Amino acid sequence: MQLQDVTHVENIRFGDENSVIIIDQTKLPNETVYLTLTTPRQMYDAIYLLQVRGAPAIGIFAAYALSVLANRIEAVDFDTFYAKLRELGAYLDASRPTAVNLHRMVTRMLNTALAHQTESLAAVRQALHEEAIAIRDEDIDMCRRISEFGLSLLHDGDGVLTHCNAGPLATSRYGTGQGPFFLAKEKGVKLHIYCDETRPLLQGARLTSYELQRAGIPCTLICDNMASLVMKQGKVQACMVGCDRVALNGDAANKIGTSGVAILAKYYGIPFYVLGPSTTIDFTCETGDDIVIEERKPSEIREMFYAKPMALPEVACFNPAFDVTEHTLITGIVTERGICRAPYRESFAKLFPEYFEKKT
C-alpha cells in the first residue's frame, strides 16, 4: 500500500441509500474488513465497539448513519419524521459521551432537517444526504489545513512522539495529530515518529504504526512506559496528539495516557501540541473538569488482545477511556485556522469570533 492509499482511503462511505460501509478498525492491522451497516443497533455498536473511532470520524459516521436511517423512517408528515430522527440521533449520541464531534454532527443533521421542514420529505432526505457529504468534505479540508500548520512547528530530522491514533483512519484523510507526518512525507521533510502503543486498546500499535509503516514514514513502536526514556535520550523534539474535546481554557481530553505524556514533555522541556478541528472545541465547556470521561468495560484491560486473561476475573479494574491534559502543559493547540497559544480563551476568541458573538 502506497502513501496515496493510506491518506485517501475511504474508511466511511455510503453503500446504497440504506447502508453505510466502514472499515472495521478492530480487525487492523492483520485484516482489512469492511462492514455494511443498515440498522440503528449496528451503527450504535460500530461506535461503541470502536469499529469506527477517532473524534472526527465518529462525527462523519454519525452524519452518514442518520442520512441512511432517515431514508427508512416511515412517516407522512414532517413532525412524525423529525420526532423519529431526533430519537435516532439521541440513540447514536449516547454511544460515546466524551467526543464532542459526535454530538455536534448529530445536532447539525437535526438542524438541517428543521431548515427544510416546509419541503417534501423526499427533499428533507436529500438535504440530509448532502449535509453528510458536506461534513466529510469540510473535514478533509480542515485536516489538510491542520497538517500544514502542524508541520510548520517541526523541522527536518525531528523525532516526534505521538499517542493513540489521529491519522487518516480517525478522520477523513490526512488526520489531525498525525496529519503533519503524512504531509511531511509528501514535502520531503524527514521525521522519525515514536508511537506509544496506547494501552489498553493499542491504537498506537494497531493503527498509527500501521498507517505510518504503509506510508513509508520511519517510525518506532514503544510501550507507553518507555516515553520518558526516549525523551531523556534526546530522541524526541516534539509531541503531537489529537483530541476528543477541548474546553475554553485549553484543557484537552484525549485518549487515556495523554496527560502523562504531557507531564513528561514538560519535565524534559519538549513542546507538546494538541491538534484538532474547531468541531472538537466545546465553546460551552469552561474547563476540563466539565468534561464527562467515558468508562469502559474491565475486560478491555484483563482480556482484550490476550490469548488468555492476564488478570484474575475477580480483580477490580478501572478503565477510563480518556484523561484531561491541563492547559498549562500544552504548548499550542493547532486548528484549521491557525495555532492557538495561552491564554487559550483569548486565542480561541480571535480565531473563532462567531462562537463568542453567539454567547454574548
Protein backbone atom coordinates (compact mmCIF):
# COMPACT_ATOMS: atom_id res chain seq x y z
CA MET A 1 0.00 0.00 0.00
CA GLN A 2 1.45 3.36 -1.03
CA LEU A 3 1.04 6.77 0.58
CA GLN A 4 -1.90 7.66 -1.64
CA ASP A 5 -3.76 4.59 -0.42
CA VAL A 6 -3.25 5.47 3.24
CA THR A 7 -4.21 9.14 3.13
CA HIS A 8 -7.11 8.73 0.73
CA VAL A 9 -8.68 5.51 1.99
CA GLU A 10 -12.47 5.71 2.31
CA ASN A 11 -12.91 4.46 5.84
CA ILE A 12 -16.56 5.65 5.82
CA ARG A 13 -18.76 5.70 2.75
CA PHE A 14 -22.32 5.22 1.61
CA GLY A 15 -23.20 1.76 0.32
CA ASP A 16 -26.64 2.34 -1.10
CA GLU A 17 -29.43 4.56 0.19
CA ASN A 18 -29.96 2.17 3.10
CA SER A 19 -26.42 1.37 4.23
CA VAL A 20 -23.10 2.80 5.42
CA ILE A 21 -19.85 0.94 4.83
CA ILE A 22 -16.90 1.27 7.22
CA ILE A 23 -13.50 -0.30 7.74
CA ASP A 24 -13.67 -2.32 10.95
CA GLN A 25 -10.75 -0.79 12.85
CA THR A 26 -10.85 -3.54 15.48
CA LYS A 27 -9.54 -6.00 12.86
CA LEU A 28 -6.50 -3.96 11.84
CA PRO A 29 -3.62 -4.40 11.21
CA ASN A 30 -3.97 -8.10 10.41
CA GLU A 31 -7.20 -7.96 8.43
CA THR A 32 -8.94 -5.29 6.35
CA VAL A 33 -12.63 -5.96 6.88
CA TYR A 34 -15.45 -3.79 5.54
CA LEU A 35 -18.76 -3.77 7.41
CA THR A 36 -22.07 -2.88 5.79
CA LEU A 37 -24.34 -1.34 8.42
CA THR A 38 -28.08 -0.93 8.00
CA THR A 39 -29.72 -0.84 11.43
CA PRO A 40 -29.57 1.63 14.34
CA ARG A 41 -28.17 -1.08 16.64
CA GLN A 42 -25.38 -1.93 14.20
CA MET A 43 -24.48 1.75 13.92
CA TYR A 44 -24.54 2.30 17.68
CA ASP A 45 -22.37 -0.76 18.19
CA ALA A 46 -19.94 0.36 15.49
CA ILE A 47 -19.20 3.47 17.55
CA TYR A 48 -19.28 1.87 20.99
CA LEU A 49 -17.19 -1.15 19.96
CA LEU A 50 -14.63 1.13 18.23
CA GLN A 51 -15.19 -0.37 14.81
CA VAL A 52 -15.26 3.27 13.78
CA ARG A 53 -13.28 5.59 16.06
CA GLY A 54 -11.47 8.91 16.19
CA ALA A 55 -13.46 12.02 17.08
CA PRO A 56 -13.78 13.43 13.52
CA ALA A 57 -14.53 10.01 12.02
CA ILE A 58 -17.25 9.36 14.60
CA GLY A 59 -18.89 12.67 13.69
CA ILE A 60 -18.76 11.89 9.97
CA PHE A 61 -20.09 8.40 10.56
CA ALA A 62 -23.00 9.69 12.66
CA ALA A 63 -23.96 12.07 9.86
CA TYR A 64 -23.85 9.27 7.29
CA ALA A 65 -25.80 6.98 9.61
CA LEU A 66 -28.58 9.49 10.20
CA SER A 67 -28.82 10.15 6.47
CA VAL A 68 -29.29 6.45 5.81
CA LEU A 69 -31.68 5.92 8.70
CA ALA A 70 -33.76 8.89 7.55
CA ASN A 71 -34.50 7.01 4.35
CA ARG A 72 -36.12 4.25 6.38
CA ILE A 73 -38.35 6.37 8.58
CA GLU A 74 -41.99 5.72 7.79
CA ALA A 75 -43.87 9.00 8.06
CA VAL A 76 -46.30 11.10 6.06
CA ASP A 77 -45.65 14.42 7.80
CA PHE A 78 -42.54 16.28 8.97
CA ASP A 79 -43.36 16.26 12.69
CA THR A 80 -43.58 12.48 12.80
CA PHE A 81 -40.46 12.17 10.68
CA TYR A 82 -38.46 14.60 12.81
CA ALA A 83 -39.52 13.03 16.10
CA LYS A 84 -38.16 9.70 14.92
CA LEU A 85 -34.99 11.27 13.50
CA ARG A 86 -34.34 13.04 16.80
CA GLU A 87 -34.84 9.76 18.66
CA LEU A 88 -32.31 8.05 16.40
CA GLY A 89 -29.88 10.94 16.85
CA ALA A 90 -30.11 10.73 20.63
CA TYR A 91 -29.51 6.98 20.45
CA LEU A 92 -26.31 7.36 18.42
CA ASP A 93 -25.19 10.32 20.54
CA ALA A 94 -25.31 8.15 23.67
CA SER A 95 -22.78 5.66 22.30
CA ARG A 96 -19.72 7.68 23.40
CA PRO A 97 -20.08 10.71 25.71
CA THR A 98 -16.62 12.32 25.61
CA ALA A 99 -16.01 13.13 21.94
CA VAL A 100 -17.85 16.37 21.18
CA ASN A 101 -17.82 15.82 17.39
CA LEU A 102 -20.44 13.11 17.72
CA HIS A 103 -22.92 15.38 19.46
CA ARG A 104 -22.16 18.30 17.16
CA MET A 105 -22.72 16.38 13.95
CA VAL A 106 -25.91 14.76 15.23
CA THR A 107 -27.17 18.25 16.13
CA ARG A 108 -26.11 19.60 12.75
CA MET A 109 -28.05 16.90 10.93
CA LEU A 110 -31.16 17.55 13.04
CA ASN A 111 -30.87 21.27 12.34
CA THR A 112 -30.59 20.52 8.62
CA ALA A 113 -33.87 18.64 8.76
CA LEU A 114 -35.53 21.56 10.56
CA ALA A 115 -34.23 24.01 7.96
CA HIS A 116 -36.13 22.07 5.26
CA GLN A 117 -39.28 21.26 7.23
CA THR A 118 -41.58 23.14 4.83
CA GLU A 119 -40.42 20.98 1.93
CA SER A 120 -41.34 17.42 0.99
CA LEU A 121 -39.89 14.55 3.00
CA ALA A 122 -38.00 13.49 -0.11
CA ALA A 123 -36.36 16.92 -0.16
CA VAL A 124 -35.52 16.66 3.53
CA ARG A 125 -33.87 13.28 2.99
CA GLN A 126 -31.87 14.64 0.07
CA ALA A 127 -30.76 17.61 2.18
CA LEU A 128 -29.56 15.23 4.90
CA HIS A 129 -27.60 13.21 2.34
CA GLU A 130 -25.93 16.35 1.01
CA GLU A 131 -25.18 17.62 4.52
CA ALA A 132 -23.43 14.37 5.44
CA ILE A 133 -21.21 14.67 2.39
CA ALA A 134 -20.53 18.33 3.23
CA ILE A 135 -19.44 17.33 6.75
CA ARG A 136 -16.95 14.86 5.28
CA ASP A 137 -15.64 17.36 2.71
CA GLU A 138 -15.20 20.03 5.37
CA ASP A 139 -13.21 17.60 7.49
CA ILE A 140 -10.92 16.79 4.56
CA ASP A 141 -10.21 20.49 4.15
CA MET A 142 -9.72 21.00 7.90
CA CYS A 143 -7.32 18.07 8.14
CA ARG A 144 -5.19 19.47 5.34
CA ARG A 145 -5.04 22.90 6.99
CA ILE A 146 -4.27 21.43 10.42
CA SER A 147 -1.50 19.36 8.86
CA GLU A 148 0.02 22.45 7.25
CA PHE A 149 0.02 24.42 10.49
CA GLY A 150 1.31 21.43 12.43
CA LEU A 151 4.16 20.81 10.01
CA SER A 152 5.25 24.43 10.42
CA LEU A 153 6.15 23.54 14.03
CA LEU A 154 8.52 20.74 13.02
CA HIS A 155 11.97 20.65 11.47
CA ASP A 156 13.72 18.26 9.13
CA GLY A 157 15.23 15.45 11.16
CA ASP A 158 12.93 15.84 14.18
CA GLY A 159 11.79 12.93 16.27
CA VAL A 160 8.13 13.25 17.22
CA LEU A 161 6.26 11.23 19.82
CA THR A 162 2.54 10.60 19.44
CA HIS A 163 -0.09 8.80 21.49
CA CYS A 164 -3.13 6.85 20.27
CA ASN A 165 -4.28 7.35 16.67
CA ALA A 166 -5.29 10.60 15.00
CA GLY A 167 -4.35 9.76 11.43
CA PRO A 168 -6.38 9.04 8.28
CA LEU A 169 -8.35 6.22 9.89
CA ALA A 170 -9.56 8.54 12.66
CA THR A 171 -10.61 11.33 10.31
CA SER A 172 -11.42 11.75 6.64
CA ARG A 173 -7.94 11.99 5.14
CA TYR A 174 -4.55 13.13 6.49
CA GLY A 175 -5.54 13.18 10.13
CA THR A 176 -5.06 15.71 12.92
CA GLY A 177 -2.42 14.66 15.46
CA GLN A 178 -0.62 12.57 12.83
CA GLY A 179 -1.57 14.66 9.79
CA PRO A 180 1.72 16.62 9.72
CA PHE A 181 3.68 13.37 9.38
CA PHE A 182 1.94 12.40 6.14
CA LEU A 183 2.26 15.91 4.77
CA ALA A 184 5.96 15.89 5.69
CA LYS A 185 6.38 12.74 3.62
CA GLU A 186 4.77 14.45 0.62
CA LYS A 187 7.01 17.50 1.01
CA GLY A 188 10.23 15.57 1.55
CA VAL A 189 10.63 16.57 5.21
CA LYS A 190 12.30 13.74 7.13
CA LEU A 191 10.80 12.87 10.51
CA HIS A 192 11.03 9.86 12.80
CA ILE A 193 7.86 9.06 14.72
CA TYR A 194 7.75 7.31 18.09
CA CYS A 195 4.36 5.67 18.55
CA ASP A 196 3.10 4.90 22.04
CA GLU A 197 1.30 1.56 21.86
CA THR A 198 -1.62 3.14 23.83
CA ARG A 199 -2.94 0.60 26.28
CA PRO A 200 -5.42 -0.98 26.70
CA LEU A 201 -6.84 -0.78 23.16
CA LEU A 202 -3.47 -0.45 21.40
CA GLN A 203 -4.50 2.17 18.86
CA GLY A 204 -0.90 3.32 18.53
CA ALA A 205 0.35 -0.18 17.86
CA ARG A 206 -2.51 -1.44 15.69
CA LEU A 207 -3.38 1.72 13.77
CA THR A 208 -0.80 4.53 13.92
CA SER A 209 2.25 2.37 13.30
CA TYR A 210 0.25 0.55 10.59
CA GLU A 211 -0.56 3.80 8.78
CA LEU A 212 2.96 5.16 9.08
CA GLN A 213 4.66 1.94 8.02
CA ARG A 214 2.40 1.60 4.98
CA ALA A 215 3.12 5.22 4.05
CA GLY A 216 6.88 4.71 4.25
CA ILE A 217 7.31 7.08 7.19
CA PRO A 218 10.09 5.99 9.60
CA CYS A 219 8.52 5.00 12.91
CA THR A 220 9.34 3.12 16.07
CA LEU A 221 6.70 1.49 18.25
CA ILE A 222 7.27 1.78 22.00
CA CYS A 223 5.36 0.70 25.08
CA ASP A 224 3.63 3.57 26.83
CA ASN A 225 6.02 3.39 29.79
CA MET A 226 9.04 3.92 27.53
CA ALA A 227 8.16 7.52 26.62
CA SER A 228 10.24 9.02 29.42
CA LEU A 229 13.37 7.18 28.33
CA VAL A 230 13.22 8.19 24.66
CA MET A 231 12.65 11.78 25.74
CA LYS A 232 15.61 11.66 28.12
CA GLN A 233 17.79 10.18 25.36
CA GLY A 234 17.07 13.20 23.18
CA LYS A 235 15.21 11.25 20.52
CA VAL A 236 12.06 13.39 20.76
CA GLN A 237 11.91 17.07 19.74
CA ALA A 238 8.12 17.45 19.86
CA CYS A 239 4.95 15.63 20.90
CA MET A 240 1.80 15.76 18.78
CA VAL A 241 -1.56 14.26 19.72
CA GLY A 242 -5.18 14.54 18.65
CA CYS A 243 -8.09 15.41 20.91
CA ASP A 244 -11.69 14.45 21.58
CA ARG A 245 -12.87 17.60 23.36
CA VAL A 246 -11.19 20.90 24.19
CA ALA A 247 -12.51 23.26 26.86
CA LEU A 248 -12.46 27.05 26.60
CA ASN A 249 -9.47 27.33 28.93
CA GLY A 250 -7.46 24.95 26.73
CA ASP A 251 -7.82 21.78 28.81
CA ALA A 252 -7.95 18.89 26.33
CA ALA A 253 -9.48 15.44 26.66
CA ASN A 254 -7.74 12.73 24.68
CA LYS A 255 -7.03 9.02 24.91
CA ILE A 256 -6.05 7.82 28.37
CA GLY A 257 -2.33 8.33 28.96
CA THR A 258 -2.08 11.60 27.06
CA SER A 259 -1.79 13.73 30.19
CA GLY A 260 1.13 11.58 31.36
CA VAL A 261 2.94 12.22 28.07
CA ALA A 262 2.35 15.96 28.52
CA ILE A 263 3.76 15.89 32.06
CA LEU A 264 6.89 14.11 30.83
CA ALA A 265 7.29 16.54 27.95
CA LYS A 266 7.02 19.48 30.36
CA TYR A 267 9.74 17.98 32.56
CA TYR A 268 12.12 17.44 29.64
CA GLY A 269 11.37 20.80 28.01
CA ILE A 270 9.77 19.29 24.90
CA PRO A 271 6.89 21.16 23.21
CA PHE A 272 3.56 19.38 23.47
CA TYR A 273 0.96 20.14 20.79
CA VAL A 274 -2.70 19.19 20.58
CA LEU A 275 -4.15 19.10 17.05
CA GLY A 276 -7.83 19.11 16.21
CA PRO A 277 -10.54 20.82 14.16
CA SER A 278 -12.71 23.56 15.61
CA THR A 279 -15.52 21.00 15.81
CA THR A 280 -13.58 19.48 18.71
CA ILE A 281 -13.55 22.71 20.71
CA ASP A 282 -16.54 22.80 23.04
CA PHE A 283 -17.31 26.50 23.31
CA THR A 284 -19.88 25.74 26.03
CA CYS A 285 -17.36 23.94 28.26
CA GLU A 286 -15.40 26.18 30.61
CA THR A 287 -12.73 23.76 31.88
CA GLY A 288 -11.68 20.15 31.68
CA ASP A 289 -13.49 19.49 34.95
CA ASP A 290 -16.74 19.80 32.97
CA ILE A 291 -15.82 17.03 30.51
CA VAL A 292 -17.55 13.69 31.08
CA ILE A 293 -14.99 10.88 30.94
CA GLU A 294 -16.24 7.64 29.45
CA GLU A 295 -15.52 4.47 31.43
CA ARG A 296 -15.35 1.19 29.59
CA LYS A 297 -15.58 -2.50 30.44
CA PRO A 298 -12.90 -4.13 32.65
CA SER A 299 -12.50 -6.89 30.07
CA GLU A 300 -10.55 -4.50 27.85
CA ILE A 301 -7.78 -4.48 30.47
CA ARG A 302 -7.94 -8.10 31.56
CA GLU A 303 -8.64 -9.95 28.33
CA MET A 304 -8.60 -8.00 25.08
CA PHE A 305 -5.78 -8.96 22.68
CA TYR A 306 -4.59 -11.75 25.01
CA ALA A 307 -4.92 -15.46 24.23
CA LYS A 308 -5.74 -15.95 27.91
CA PRO A 309 -6.80 -13.41 30.56
CA MET A 310 -3.84 -11.58 32.08
CA ALA A 311 -5.53 -10.98 35.44
CA LEU A 312 -7.84 -12.91 37.69
CA PRO A 313 -11.54 -12.33 36.92
CA GLU A 314 -12.17 -11.07 40.46
CA VAL A 315 -9.51 -8.35 40.23
CA ALA A 316 -11.10 -4.89 40.18
CA CYS A 317 -10.31 -2.78 37.11
CA PHE A 318 -10.59 0.95 36.45
CA ASN A 319 -10.85 1.65 32.73
CA PRO A 320 -11.40 5.33 31.82
CA ALA A 321 -11.13 5.82 28.07
CA PHE A 322 -9.77 9.36 28.29
CA ASP A 323 -7.93 11.77 30.54
CA VAL A 324 -7.72 15.56 30.51
CA THR A 325 -4.43 17.33 29.85
CA GLU A 326 -4.35 20.64 31.67
CA HIS A 327 -3.83 23.72 29.52
CA THR A 328 -0.65 24.63 31.44
CA LEU A 329 1.04 21.57 29.91
CA ILE A 330 0.05 22.38 26.32
CA THR A 331 2.44 24.42 24.18
CA GLY A 332 -0.13 25.07 21.46
CA ILE A 333 -3.46 23.90 20.08
CA VAL A 334 -3.39 23.54 16.29
CA THR A 335 -6.66 24.16 14.45
CA GLU A 336 -7.65 24.63 10.82
CA ARG A 337 -7.50 28.41 11.28
CA GLY A 338 -4.14 28.59 12.99
CA ILE A 339 -2.15 27.80 16.12
CA CYS A 340 -3.67 28.85 19.43
CA ARG A 341 -1.48 29.59 22.43
CA ALA A 342 -2.16 30.50 26.04
CA PRO A 343 -4.26 32.17 27.24
CA TYR A 344 -6.45 29.88 25.15
CA ARG A 345 -9.80 31.55 25.71
CA GLU A 346 -8.46 34.77 24.18
CA SER A 347 -6.75 32.84 21.39
CA PHE A 348 -9.96 30.98 20.54
CA ALA A 349 -11.90 34.25 20.55
CA LYS A 350 -9.54 35.71 17.94
CA LEU A 351 -9.68 32.72 15.60
CA PHE A 352 -13.34 31.79 16.13
CA PRO A 353 -15.15 35.06 16.92
CA GLU A 354 -18.50 33.75 15.67
CA TYR A 355 -18.85 31.39 18.61
CA PHE A 356 -18.21 34.15 21.12
CA GLU A 357 -20.58 36.56 19.39
CA LYS A 358 -23.34 33.97 19.84
CA LYS A 359 -22.60 33.73 23.54
CA THR A 360 -22.83 37.48 24.02
